[in-house]
Amino acid sequence: MTQRVLFYQLNRKYVSNQAEVPARSRQIVYYSLAIGHHVGVVDCLASVLVVSEAEFTQWLSRLPAGAGRRKLEGVLKWGEVEVNAAHVNELLPALEAGYAIMSAAERDWTDALRRHLQDITQEPALYLMIRRSAG
């Protein structure tokens, strides 16, 4: 079975609970969300890009050595990586540096990834999950 690399972006969050949260307690839930505690919070991810593992590996070879490339290579090593606001300044320069030697398809993937990274700079709560999966 062919391995694929899937890129997902957070597209919404919701609080999962069986009972209605009393009005006086809602602010505690909102505060918990604001400081990053995921008390009963479900992240909903949408698929934004799918490439074969072979294509992904070839695309990575176009990027210069450094933190941005290492971050993406984590998909091959660990099976998945999270890309958040802390990684944008590593990834954007790497993508730009390799752009000139990329194929047309690789440039399309790069353009899509750059748009999602720009979204993260506008809304730091967003993130990408990049995962290797059997075909």
Protein backbone atom coordinates (compact mmCIF):
# COMPACT_ATOMS: atom_id res chain seq x y z
CA MET A 1 0.00 0.00 0.00
CA THR A 2 1.33 3.44 -0.94
CA GLN A 3 2.22 5.83 1.87
CA ARG A 4 0.79 9.33 1.69
CA VAL A 5 1.52 12.55 3.54
CA LEU A 6 -1.57 14.47 4.58
CA PHE A 7 -1.69 18.08 5.69
CA TYR A 8 -4.56 19.08 7.98
CA GLN A 9 -5.42 22.54 9.28
CA LEU A 10 -7.42 23.34 12.37
CA ASN A 11 -10.71 24.76 11.13
CA ARG A 12 -12.78 24.91 14.34
CA LYS A 13 -12.92 23.95 18.00
CA TYR A 14 -15.88 23.10 20.11
CA VAL A 15 -16.51 22.23 23.69
CA SER A 16 -17.80 18.69 24.08
CA ASN A 17 -20.07 18.23 27.06
CA GLN A 18 -23.21 16.31 27.83
CA ALA A 19 -24.89 18.96 29.96
CA GLU A 20 -25.38 22.67 29.50
CA VAL A 21 -22.66 24.65 31.27
CA PRO A 22 -24.23 27.03 33.81
CA ALA A 23 -23.88 30.69 32.86
CA ARG A 24 -21.70 31.52 35.86
CA SER A 25 -19.29 28.70 34.90
CA ARG A 26 -18.97 29.55 31.20
CA GLN A 27 -16.35 32.22 31.82
CA ILE A 28 -14.14 29.62 33.50
CA VAL A 29 -14.42 27.39 30.42
CA TYR A 30 -13.63 30.34 28.12
CA TYR A 31 -10.68 31.35 30.29
CA SER A 32 -9.38 27.76 30.25
CA LEU A 33 -9.55 27.77 26.45
CA ALA A 34 -7.82 31.14 26.24
CA ILE A 35 -4.83 29.98 28.27
CA GLY A 36 -4.52 26.74 26.34
CA HIS A 37 -6.18 24.20 28.59
CA HIS A 38 -8.24 21.81 26.51
CA VAL A 39 -10.93 20.86 29.00
CA GLY A 40 -13.41 18.91 26.90
CA VAL A 41 -12.32 20.70 23.72
CA VAL A 42 -12.36 18.89 20.40
CA ASP A 43 -10.17 20.21 17.57
CA CYS A 44 -11.69 19.72 14.12
CA LEU A 45 -9.14 19.41 11.34
CA ALA A 46 -9.73 19.74 7.60
CA SER A 47 -7.53 18.09 4.99
CA VAL A 48 -5.79 20.78 2.93
CA LEU A 49 -3.14 18.86 0.97
CA VAL A 50 -2.31 15.23 0.15
CA VAL A 51 0.86 14.01 -1.57
CA SER A 52 2.54 10.63 -1.87
CA GLU A 53 5.42 9.94 0.50
CA ALA A 54 7.77 9.67 -2.50
CA GLU A 55 6.67 13.10 -3.75
CA PHE A 56 7.00 14.55 -0.25
CA THR A 57 10.53 13.15 0.09
CA GLN A 58 11.52 14.58 -3.30
CA TRP A 59 10.00 17.95 -2.36
CA LEU A 60 11.94 17.96 0.93
CA SER A 61 15.17 17.41 -1.01
CA ARG A 62 14.61 20.82 -2.65
CA LEU A 63 14.72 22.59 0.73
CA PRO A 64 18.02 23.76 2.21
CA ALA A 65 19.37 22.09 5.35
CA GLY A 66 18.19 23.82 8.49
CA ALA A 67 15.41 24.07 11.04
CA GLY A 68 12.57 24.34 8.50
CA ARG A 69 13.59 21.23 6.61
CA ARG A 70 14.21 19.30 9.85
CA LYS A 71 10.72 20.17 11.06
CA LEU A 72 9.13 18.69 7.93
CA GLU A 73 11.46 15.67 7.96
CA GLY A 74 9.87 14.83 11.31
CA VAL A 75 6.91 13.46 9.36
CA LEU A 76 9.16 10.74 7.92
CA LYS A 77 10.86 10.07 11.26
CA TRP A 78 7.94 10.25 13.69
CA GLY A 79 4.89 9.79 11.46
CA GLU A 80 3.43 13.22 12.20
CA VAL A 81 4.36 16.74 13.21
CA GLU A 82 2.45 19.78 14.40
CA VAL A 83 3.24 23.10 12.77
CA ASN A 84 2.23 26.13 14.80
CA ALA A 85 3.08 29.82 15.03
CA ALA A 86 6.50 29.02 16.52
CA HIS A 87 7.54 27.23 13.30
CA VAL A 88 6.43 29.77 10.68
CA ASN A 89 9.69 31.76 10.74
CA GLU A 90 11.67 28.55 10.16
CA LEU A 91 9.49 27.19 7.39
CA LEU A 92 8.80 30.23 5.20
CA PRO A 93 12.49 30.97 4.44
CA ALA A 94 13.16 27.29 3.69
CA LEU A 95 10.21 27.13 1.29
CA GLU A 96 11.33 30.33 -0.42
CA ALA A 97 14.94 29.16 -0.75
CA GLY A 98 13.98 25.94 -2.51
CA TYR A 99 11.25 27.39 -4.71
CA ALA A 100 13.36 28.06 -7.82
CA ILE A 101 14.34 24.39 -8.24
CA MET A 102 10.90 22.91 -7.58
CA SER A 103 8.67 21.30 -10.19
CA ALA A 104 5.35 22.93 -11.04
CA ALA A 105 3.49 20.51 -8.74
CA GLU A 106 5.95 21.15 -5.90
CA ARG A 107 5.47 24.89 -6.35
CA ASP A 108 1.71 24.41 -6.08
CA TRP A 109 2.17 22.50 -2.79
CA THR A 110 4.59 25.16 -1.56
CA ASP A 111 2.16 27.96 -2.45
CA ALA A 112 -0.62 26.16 -0.57
CA LEU A 113 1.58 25.57 2.47
CA ARG A 114 2.71 29.21 2.46
CA ARG A 115 -0.92 30.36 2.44
CA HIS A 116 -1.65 28.17 5.46
CA LEU A 117 1.45 29.45 7.25
CA GLN A 118 0.30 33.02 6.54
CA ASP A 119 -3.08 32.11 8.04
CA ILE A 120 -1.25 31.00 11.18
CA THR A 121 0.57 34.34 11.38
CA GLN A 122 -2.81 36.09 11.24
CA GLU A 123 -4.44 33.74 13.78
CA PRO A 124 -1.83 32.09 16.03
CA ALA A 125 -4.38 29.63 17.47
CA LEU A 126 -4.40 27.86 14.09
CA TYR A 127 -2.03 25.00 13.44
CA LEU A 128 -1.28 22.30 10.87
CA MET A 129 -0.93 18.58 11.49
CA ILE A 130 1.15 16.78 8.90
CA ARG A 131 0.78 13.01 9.06
CA ARG A 132 2.08 10.01 7.15
CA SER A 133 -0.63 7.47 6.39
CA ALA A 134 -1.09 4.26 4.44
CA GLY A 135 -2.77 4.91 1.14
